[in-house]
Structures are given as structure tokens and as C-alpha cells.
């Protein structure tokens, strides 16, 4: 029988538990030795190192490209070299993006274990797709500033590519582009005023997040969309809870000047609404064993509670006491979380 490959913390916990069972007489010495020999401590976590390395590589590459683009000397050199039409840049970007998508998809099939290197190739394809759409927009620009159409176009392109290549990463960018389209389109329809149907941006995105969450449940009826259902659910909840948290701080105010004229206590009802959503999703997650809803609910319940503490008690609480309470509360949370993790680990 193959041994369990555990990390150091898991192995120490399991070893202590087995020794305690032996001391309490729950297992005999022979069984204890067999259990102790049934697992081993895994070595260095190369998978995580690989993941972080590719993230750093992607971030560094983006910074390098951005630095190159904004460098005046490089810009002047490019201007002297030639003045490339926007449509040519769009076409070249589209061709390169297509090549990267096909290469990434081919590598996913040939080397499925190389998760991060495959995804990094697809990620650069996504960036080139965005570049192609942006320069196409510049080519077709009629001066009206209706650039939200470009975001809508990117939604359609990314959704089609995600379905074609069965890529959750591309689907995530489709949902991000959908949110960008919603925000810019509502802004364009109101001539970029602070309110759309009486709602500022955070309040608009509360309803956007709710619609996305509802859509994620409707996706259960279509097997072809099952691959993207969980990711849609997560991003919908992210839109919803971040927007609710921003509402609890800024309320339904469109400008910073209006917000600064009121006292934070006057926005307490938005904080209550945000807390109710957090509690509701926590209860729902526990009741129906929905770990995504539960974790979002608990996380934003804590975020909201600490946000209210900063808003209402920061100025009137001694800083030693304040940070002492913070340290104690997070220690208690960590201790409780550790117990829950240990129980779940034993179940596994």
C-alpha cells in the first residue's frame, strides 16, 4: 500500500494523535507502529514554488512591457522607425494570440502536468487578445467615446475562446470584461454622471453580483457550462460582497466631496445590510454544505466587523487596547480555525 505523503504540519499532528491513542489504550502498540509507518513527510513543495515562480515571471514580464511602453526614448525611437497603423497592430496581436492559444491548448493535452507553464502561455494570449480589441477600437473610433462596446466585444471573444479551449482562466477574463462593460456602459448612458437610476457604482455592482450568482445556479441545467459554473459563482460572490463592503463605507454617494460632509454613523444601515448578507450566506453555506458561500460569508463578516470597529471606535479607543483586542481576536480565530482544520484532516 502506498504511503500517505503529508506535509510537516500534517505529519506532526497525525503522529501526536496516534501516540495519544496508544497512550489511552485505543490502539495497541503494533497497530500504532503500523499507523506511524503508513505515512511519510513530503519533501520541498516544488509545485507551490513553480506556481509562485510563474506568477512572478508573469508580473515581471508585464512590468517590463509597461516600462518599455512608457519609456520616452523607446517611444521616440519607435516613432522614427515607422508609424504602424492601428489596424495592423490589431491584426498582428490577433494572430499572435491565436498561435498562443493553440500552443497552450496543445501543451495542456500533451503535458497536462505542466499546469502553470500552460496557463502562462494562455495568459499572454489573453493579453494579446485585449491588445487586438483595443487597437481595433482605435481604428473604428468615431469620437463618441462609446468604448464600452469594446468590453462587450471582449466578453464575446473570451467566452468563445473559453468554450473552445475549455479554459477557466479565459472564462475568468470574460467575467471581468463583463463587469467592465456593465460599469462603463452605465456610465456612458448617464454621460458619466455619478448615478445610474439613482445608484452609484458600488450599489450597481451589488445587483450585478446578484445576477451573476443567479446565473451560476441556472448554469447547473446546462452540462456544457458545468466547467465554468463554480468560477462564475465565485466571481459573482466577489462582485457582490466587495460592492456591499464598499457601500457600508461610502454609502450611495457618488462623489468624495458629498461623502466627506456626512458622519460615518449615518451610513450604519448599509453596514447592517452588508452584515445580514454575510450572516445569510454563512448560514446557507453551513445548512447546505456550500463551502464557497460559507467561506465568503465568514470572511466578509469578519471584514465588516473590523471595518465598523475602525470607523466607530478607532478615535475613542486607546491604541494599546485596540491592537490588544485585535491580537486576541485573531489568535482566537486562528485557534478555532486550526481545530476545524484538524477535524477535517482526520475525516480525510
Protein backbone atom coordinates (compact mmCIF):
# COMPACT_ATOMS: atom_id res chain seq x y z
CA UNK A 1 0.00 0.00 0.00
CA UNK A 2 1.31 3.42 -0.95
CA UNK A 3 2.19 5.71 1.94
CA UNK A 4 0.36 8.97 2.57
CA UNK A 5 2.53 11.90 1.51
CA UNK A 6 1.88 14.60 4.13
CA UNK A 7 3.44 17.97 4.81
CA UNK A 8 5.33 18.51 8.06
CA UNK A 9 2.45 20.05 9.99
CA UNK A 10 0.01 17.29 8.99
CA UNK A 11 2.56 14.57 9.85
CA UNK A 12 3.28 16.05 13.29
CA UNK A 13 -0.42 16.29 14.09
CA UNK A 14 -1.13 12.73 12.95
CA UNK A 15 1.89 11.38 14.83
CA UNK A 16 0.78 13.10 18.06
CA UNK A 17 -2.76 11.77 17.59
CA UNK A 18 -1.60 8.17 17.08
CA UNK A 19 0.67 8.32 20.14
CA UNK A 20 -2.21 9.71 22.19
CA UNK A 21 -4.47 6.87 21.01
CA UNK A 22 -1.82 4.37 22.09
CA UNK A 23 -1.42 6.04 25.48
CA UNK A 24 -5.20 5.98 26.02
CA UNK A 25 -5.39 2.33 25.06
CA UNK A 26 -7.49 2.93 21.94
CA UNK A 27 -4.93 1.12 19.78
CA UNK A 28 -2.23 -1.39 20.70
CA UNK A 29 1.49 -0.90 20.10
CA UNK A 30 1.53 -2.99 16.91
CA UNK A 31 -1.35 -1.02 15.36
CA UNK A 32 0.30 2.22 16.43
CA UNK A 33 3.53 1.26 14.68
CA UNK A 34 1.62 0.29 11.52
CA UNK A 35 -0.20 3.62 11.53
CA UNK A 36 3.05 5.50 12.09
CA UNK A 37 4.59 3.68 9.12
CA UNK A 38 1.60 4.40 6.85
CA UNK A 39 2.65 7.98 6.09
CA UNK A 40 5.75 9.97 5.31
CA UNK A 41 6.71 13.64 5.32
CA UNK A 42 6.88 15.04 1.83
CA UNK A 43 9.89 17.00 0.72
CA UNK A 44 10.09 20.51 -0.60
CA UNK A 45 6.81 21.79 -2.13
CA UNK A 46 8.04 22.19 -5.69
CA UNK A 47 4.50 22.65 -7.01
CA UNK A 48 3.99 25.78 -4.96
CA UNK A 49 7.43 27.08 -5.90
CA UNK A 50 6.52 26.51 -9.56
CA UNK A 51 3.25 28.36 -9.12
CA UNK A 52 4.84 31.37 -7.42
CA UNK A 53 7.70 31.44 -9.94
CA UNK A 54 5.32 31.65 -12.87
CA UNK A 55 3.32 34.38 -11.11
CA UNK A 56 6.49 36.39 -10.53
CA UNK A 57 7.56 35.78 -14.14
CA UNK A 58 4.21 36.99 -15.48
CA UNK A 59 4.18 40.04 -13.22
CA UNK A 60 7.78 40.89 -14.10
CA UNK A 61 7.04 40.48 -17.80
CA UNK A 62 4.04 42.82 -17.56
CA UNK A 63 6.10 45.40 -15.67
CA UNK A 64 8.87 45.12 -18.26
CA UNK A 65 6.41 45.63 -21.12
CA UNK A 66 4.75 48.57 -19.34
CA UNK A 67 8.15 50.16 -18.64
CA UNK A 68 9.11 49.72 -22.28
CA UNK A 69 5.88 51.32 -23.49
CA UNK A 70 6.09 54.39 -21.26
CA UNK A 71 9.81 54.97 -21.82
CA UNK A 72 10.17 58.24 -23.79
CA UNK A 73 13.36 57.17 -25.54
CA UNK A 74 11.76 53.96 -26.77
CA UNK A 75 8.65 55.84 -27.90
CA UNK A 76 10.70 58.33 -29.89
CA UNK A 77 12.73 55.52 -31.42
CA UNK A 78 9.54 53.72 -32.45
CA UNK A 79 8.12 56.92 -33.92
CA UNK A 80 11.24 57.42 -36.01
CA UNK A 81 11.27 53.78 -37.10
CA UNK A 82 7.76 53.72 -38.52
CA UNK A 83 4.22 54.76 -37.82
CA UNK A 84 2.32 51.46 -37.74
CA UNK A 85 -1.44 51.77 -38.42
CA UNK A 86 -3.67 50.65 -35.56
CA UNK A 87 -5.38 48.02 -37.68
CA UNK A 88 -2.02 46.36 -38.45
CA UNK A 89 -1.18 46.15 -34.73
CA UNK A 90 -4.65 44.72 -34.11
CA UNK A 91 -4.20 42.02 -36.76
CA UNK A 92 -0.68 41.11 -35.59
CA UNK A 93 -1.89 40.87 -31.97
CA UNK A 94 -4.81 38.67 -33.02
CA UNK A 95 -2.52 36.32 -34.99
CA UNK A 96 -0.05 36.03 -32.10
CA UNK A 97 -2.88 35.48 -29.62
CA UNK A 98 -4.34 32.71 -31.80
CA UNK A 99 -0.95 30.99 -32.01
CA UNK A 100 -0.51 31.18 -28.24
CA UNK A 101 -3.99 29.80 -27.56
CA UNK A 102 -3.45 26.83 -29.84
CA UNK A 103 0.02 26.23 -28.43
CA UNK A 104 -1.28 26.43 -24.86
CA UNK A 105 -4.15 24.06 -25.65
CA UNK A 106 -1.81 21.60 -27.38
CA UNK A 107 0.54 21.64 -24.38
CA UNK A 108 -2.41 21.08 -22.00
CA UNK A 109 -3.19 17.86 -23.84
CA UNK A 110 0.42 16.77 -24.28
CA UNK A 111 1.76 17.88 -20.89
CA UNK A 112 -1.27 18.09 -18.54
CA UNK A 113 1.02 18.05 -15.50
CA UNK A 114 2.62 21.37 -16.52
CA UNK A 115 -0.32 23.38 -15.25
CA UNK A 116 1.35 26.71 -14.61
CA UNK A 117 3.51 26.91 -17.72
CA UNK A 118 0.48 26.05 -19.87
CA UNK A 119 -1.67 28.67 -18.15
CA UNK A 120 1.05 31.31 -18.54
CA UNK A 121 1.04 30.79 -22.32
CA UNK A 122 -2.74 31.19 -22.37
CA UNK A 123 -2.44 34.28 -20.16
CA UNK A 124 -0.18 36.02 -22.67
CA UNK A 125 -2.69 35.05 -25.36
CA UNK A 126 -5.38 36.81 -23.31
CA UNK A 127 -3.26 39.96 -23.08
CA UNK A 128 -2.66 39.97 -26.85
CA UNK A 129 -6.41 39.48 -27.42
CA UNK A 130 -7.08 42.55 -25.31
CA UNK A 131 -4.45 44.44 -27.32
CA UNK A 132 -6.07 43.37 -30.60
CA UNK A 133 -9.52 44.51 -29.48
CA UNK A 134 -8.17 47.81 -28.11
CA UNK A 135 -6.38 48.73 -31.35
CA UNK A 136 -9.40 47.63 -33.37
CA UNK A 137 -11.42 50.06 -31.28
CA UNK A 138 -8.95 52.85 -32.03
CA UNK A 139 -9.28 52.06 -35.73
CA UNK A 140 -13.09 52.22 -35.67
CA UNK A 141 -13.36 55.09 -33.17
CA UNK A 142 -15.86 57.74 -34.31
CA UNK A 143 -15.15 60.18 -31.49
CA UNK A 144 -18.27 59.43 -29.41
CA UNK A 145 -16.30 57.72 -26.62
CA UNK A 146 -18.58 54.67 -26.52
CA UNK A 147 -15.69 52.35 -25.65
CA UNK A 148 -17.87 50.05 -23.52
CA UNK A 149 -18.63 48.28 -26.82
CA UNK A 150 -15.03 47.06 -26.81
CA UNK A 151 -15.55 45.43 -23.42
CA UNK A 152 -18.71 43.75 -24.73
CA UNK A 153 -16.78 42.50 -27.74
CA UNK A 154 -14.06 41.13 -25.45
CA UNK A 155 -16.74 39.30 -23.42
CA UNK A 156 -17.96 37.53 -26.55
CA UNK A 157 -14.43 36.74 -27.74
CA UNK A 158 -13.22 35.45 -24.35
CA UNK A 159 -16.40 33.40 -23.82
CA UNK A 160 -15.99 31.76 -27.23
CA UNK A 161 -12.31 31.05 -26.59
CA UNK A 162 -13.05 29.67 -23.11
CA UNK A 163 -15.60 27.27 -24.56
CA UNK A 164 -13.32 26.32 -27.47
CA UNK A 165 -10.29 25.58 -25.28
CA UNK A 166 -12.18 24.57 -22.10
CA UNK A 167 -10.20 27.19 -20.16
CA UNK A 168 -11.39 28.54 -16.81
CA UNK A 169 -8.68 31.21 -16.95
CA UNK A 170 -10.13 32.69 -20.16
CA UNK A 171 -13.65 32.42 -18.70
CA UNK A 172 -12.50 34.44 -15.69
CA UNK A 173 -11.38 37.23 -18.02
CA UNK A 174 -14.74 37.03 -19.80
CA UNK A 175 -16.49 37.69 -16.48
CA UNK A 176 -14.09 40.51 -15.60
CA UNK A 177 -14.73 42.05 -19.03
CA UNK A 178 -18.48 41.65 -18.45
CA UNK A 179 -18.17 43.67 -15.24
CA UNK A 180 -16.09 46.29 -17.06
CA UNK A 181 -18.74 46.52 -19.78
CA UNK A 182 -21.51 46.92 -17.19
CA UNK A 183 -19.68 49.70 -15.38
CA UNK A 184 -18.64 51.65 -18.48
CA UNK A 185 -21.98 51.19 -20.26
CA UNK A 186 -24.00 52.51 -17.30
CA UNK A 187 -21.55 55.39 -17.08
CA UNK A 188 -21.88 56.17 -20.81
CA UNK A 189 -25.69 56.06 -20.67
CA UNK A 190 -25.68 58.75 -17.96
CA UNK A 191 -23.00 60.88 -19.64
CA UNK A 192 -20.55 59.77 -16.91
CA UNK A 193 -22.59 61.27 -14.07
CA UNK A 194 -22.31 59.89 -10.53
CA UNK A 195 -25.62 57.97 -10.59
CA UNK A 196 -27.41 55.47 -12.82
CA UNK A 197 -31.10 55.07 -11.88
CA UNK A 198 -30.18 56.67 -8.55
CA UNK A 199 -27.34 54.21 -7.86
CA UNK A 200 -23.64 54.88 -7.51
CA UNK A 201 -21.13 52.33 -8.79
CA UNK A 202 -20.96 50.04 -5.69
CA UNK A 203 -24.76 49.79 -5.50
CA UNK A 204 -24.97 48.97 -9.22
CA UNK A 205 -22.47 46.17 -8.79
CA UNK A 206 -24.42 44.71 -5.87
CA UNK A 207 -27.22 43.93 -8.31
CA UNK A 208 -24.70 42.86 -10.95
CA UNK A 209 -23.18 40.38 -8.49
CA UNK A 210 -26.62 39.05 -7.53
CA UNK A 211 -27.49 38.48 -11.19
CA UNK A 212 -24.19 36.69 -11.76
CA UNK A 213 -24.80 34.42 -8.74
CA UNK A 214 -28.31 33.61 -10.01
CA UNK A 215 -26.86 32.86 -13.46
CA UNK A 216 -24.32 30.48 -11.87
CA UNK A 217 -27.22 28.42 -10.46
CA UNK A 218 -29.01 28.43 -13.83
CA UNK A 219 -25.80 27.04 -15.37
CA UNK A 220 -26.45 23.78 -13.47
CA UNK A 221 -29.15 23.00 -16.04
CA UNK A 222 -26.67 23.02 -18.91
CA UNK A 223 -23.98 20.35 -18.80
CA UNK A 224 -21.93 22.23 -21.39
CA UNK A 225 -21.43 25.05 -18.84
CA UNK A 226 -20.60 22.88 -15.81
CA UNK A 227 -16.88 23.52 -16.28
CA UNK A 228 -17.40 27.25 -15.66
CA UNK A 229 -20.19 27.14 -13.09
CA UNK A 230 -18.12 27.24 -9.89
CA UNK A 231 -15.86 30.02 -11.18
CA UNK A 232 -18.92 32.08 -12.17
CA UNK A 233 -20.34 31.54 -8.68
CA UNK A 234 -17.11 32.66 -7.00
CA UNK A 235 -16.66 35.79 -9.16
CA UNK A 236 -20.34 36.68 -8.71
CA UNK A 237 -19.95 36.47 -4.93
CA UNK A 238 -16.76 38.52 -5.15
CA UNK A 239 -18.56 41.30 -7.05
CA UNK A 240 -21.44 41.15 -4.57
CA UNK A 241 -19.51 41.16 -1.29
CA UNK A 242 -16.85 43.69 -2.29
CA UNK A 243 -19.61 46.05 -3.50
CA UNK A 244 -21.56 45.59 -0.26
CA UNK A 245 -18.42 46.29 1.77
CA UNK A 246 -17.75 49.49 -0.22
CA UNK A 247 -21.38 50.52 0.28
CA UNK A 248 -21.01 50.03 4.03
CA UNK A 249 -18.13 52.54 3.96
CA UNK A 250 -19.20 55.10 1.33
CA UNK A 251 -22.95 54.59 1.14
CA UNK A 252 -24.81 55.57 -2.02
CA UNK A 253 -22.70 58.70 -2.56
CA UNK A 254 -21.29 59.40 -5.98
CA UNK A 255 -18.56 61.88 -5.08
CA UNK A 256 -15.94 62.04 -2.37
CA UNK A 257 -16.96 65.63 -1.54
CA UNK A 258 -20.54 64.57 -0.68
CA UNK A 259 -19.30 61.64 1.39
CA UNK A 260 -16.92 63.81 3.44
CA UNK A 261 -19.79 66.06 4.51
CA UNK A 262 -21.58 63.34 6.50
CA UNK A 263 -20.69 61.37 9.61
CA UNK A 264 -19.88 57.70 9.19
CA UNK A 265 -22.53 56.71 11.73
CA UNK A 266 -25.17 57.97 9.28
CA UNK A 267 -24.31 55.06 6.99
CA UNK A 268 -24.84 52.38 9.64
CA UNK A 269 -27.81 50.87 7.78
CA UNK A 270 -25.56 49.96 4.83
CA UNK A 271 -23.27 48.20 7.29
CA UNK A 272 -26.26 46.29 8.71
CA UNK A 273 -27.31 45.21 5.19
CA UNK A 274 -23.77 44.03 4.46
CA UNK A 275 -23.65 42.10 7.75
CA UNK A 276 -27.03 40.49 7.03
CA UNK A 277 -25.79 39.29 3.65
CA UNK A 278 -22.67 37.85 5.29
CA UNK A 279 -24.64 36.09 8.01
CA UNK A 280 -27.21 34.85 5.48
CA UNK A 281 -24.59 33.30 3.20
CA UNK A 282 -22.77 31.80 6.19
CA UNK A 283 -25.97 30.10 7.40
CA UNK A 284 -26.81 29.00 3.85
CA UNK A 285 -23.31 27.59 3.38
CA UNK A 286 -23.45 25.63 6.64
CA UNK A 287 -27.04 24.45 6.07
CA UNK A 288 -26.48 23.20 2.51
CA UNK A 289 -22.76 22.36 2.82
CA UNK A 290 -21.82 25.06 0.33
CA UNK A 291 -18.21 25.75 1.37
CA UNK A 292 -17.87 28.67 -1.09
CA UNK A 293 -20.87 30.54 0.34
CA UNK A 294 -19.77 29.70 3.89
CA UNK A 295 -16.22 30.97 3.41
CA UNK A 296 -17.35 34.16 1.66
CA UNK A 297 -19.92 34.78 4.39
CA UNK A 298 -17.48 34.23 7.27
CA UNK A 299 -14.65 36.19 5.61
CA UNK A 300 -16.75 39.27 4.88
CA UNK A 301 -18.50 39.03 8.24
CA UNK A 302 -15.07 39.48 9.85
CA UNK A 303 -14.08 42.19 7.36
CA UNK A 304 -17.28 44.10 8.06
CA UNK A 305 -16.96 43.80 11.83
CA UNK A 306 -13.38 45.10 11.80
CA UNK A 307 -14.33 47.85 9.34
CA UNK A 308 -17.08 49.04 11.69
CA UNK A 309 -14.62 48.89 14.57
CA UNK A 310 -12.16 51.11 12.73
CA UNK A 311 -14.94 53.52 11.71
CA UNK A 312 -16.65 53.96 15.07
CA UNK A 313 -14.11 53.08 17.79
CA UNK A 314 -10.68 53.97 16.37
CA UNK A 315 -10.68 57.57 17.63
CA UNK A 316 -12.07 56.80 21.08
CA UNK A 317 -10.11 53.64 21.93
CA UNK A 318 -6.61 53.55 23.40
CA UNK A 319 -4.33 52.13 20.70
CA UNK A 320 -2.73 49.62 23.08
CA UNK A 321 -6.17 48.28 23.96
CA UNK A 322 -7.28 48.38 20.32
CA UNK A 323 -4.39 46.34 18.96
CA UNK A 324 -4.50 44.07 22.01
CA UNK A 325 -8.11 43.26 21.16
CA UNK A 326 -7.11 42.73 17.51
CA UNK A 327 -4.30 40.36 18.52
CA UNK A 328 -6.51 38.39 20.91
CA UNK A 329 -9.41 38.12 18.48
CA UNK A 330 -7.24 36.95 15.58
CA UNK A 331 -5.48 34.46 17.87
CA UNK A 332 -8.86 33.03 18.91
CA UNK A 333 -9.97 32.90 15.27
CA UNK A 334 -6.74 31.15 14.30
CA UNK A 335 -7.06 28.66 17.14
CA UNK A 336 -10.65 27.85 16.19
CA UNK A 337 -9.73 27.54 12.51
CA UNK A 338 -6.87 25.19 13.44
CA UNK A 339 -9.28 22.94 15.34
CA UNK A 340 -11.68 22.87 12.41
CA UNK A 341 -8.79 22.07 10.03
CA UNK A 342 -7.64 19.26 12.31
CA UNK A 343 -11.13 17.74 12.37
CA UNK A 344 -11.46 17.93 8.59
CA UNK A 345 -7.98 16.42 8.21
CA UNK A 346 -8.94 13.48 10.46
CA UNK A 347 -12.08 12.90 8.39
CA UNK A 348 -9.96 12.72 5.25
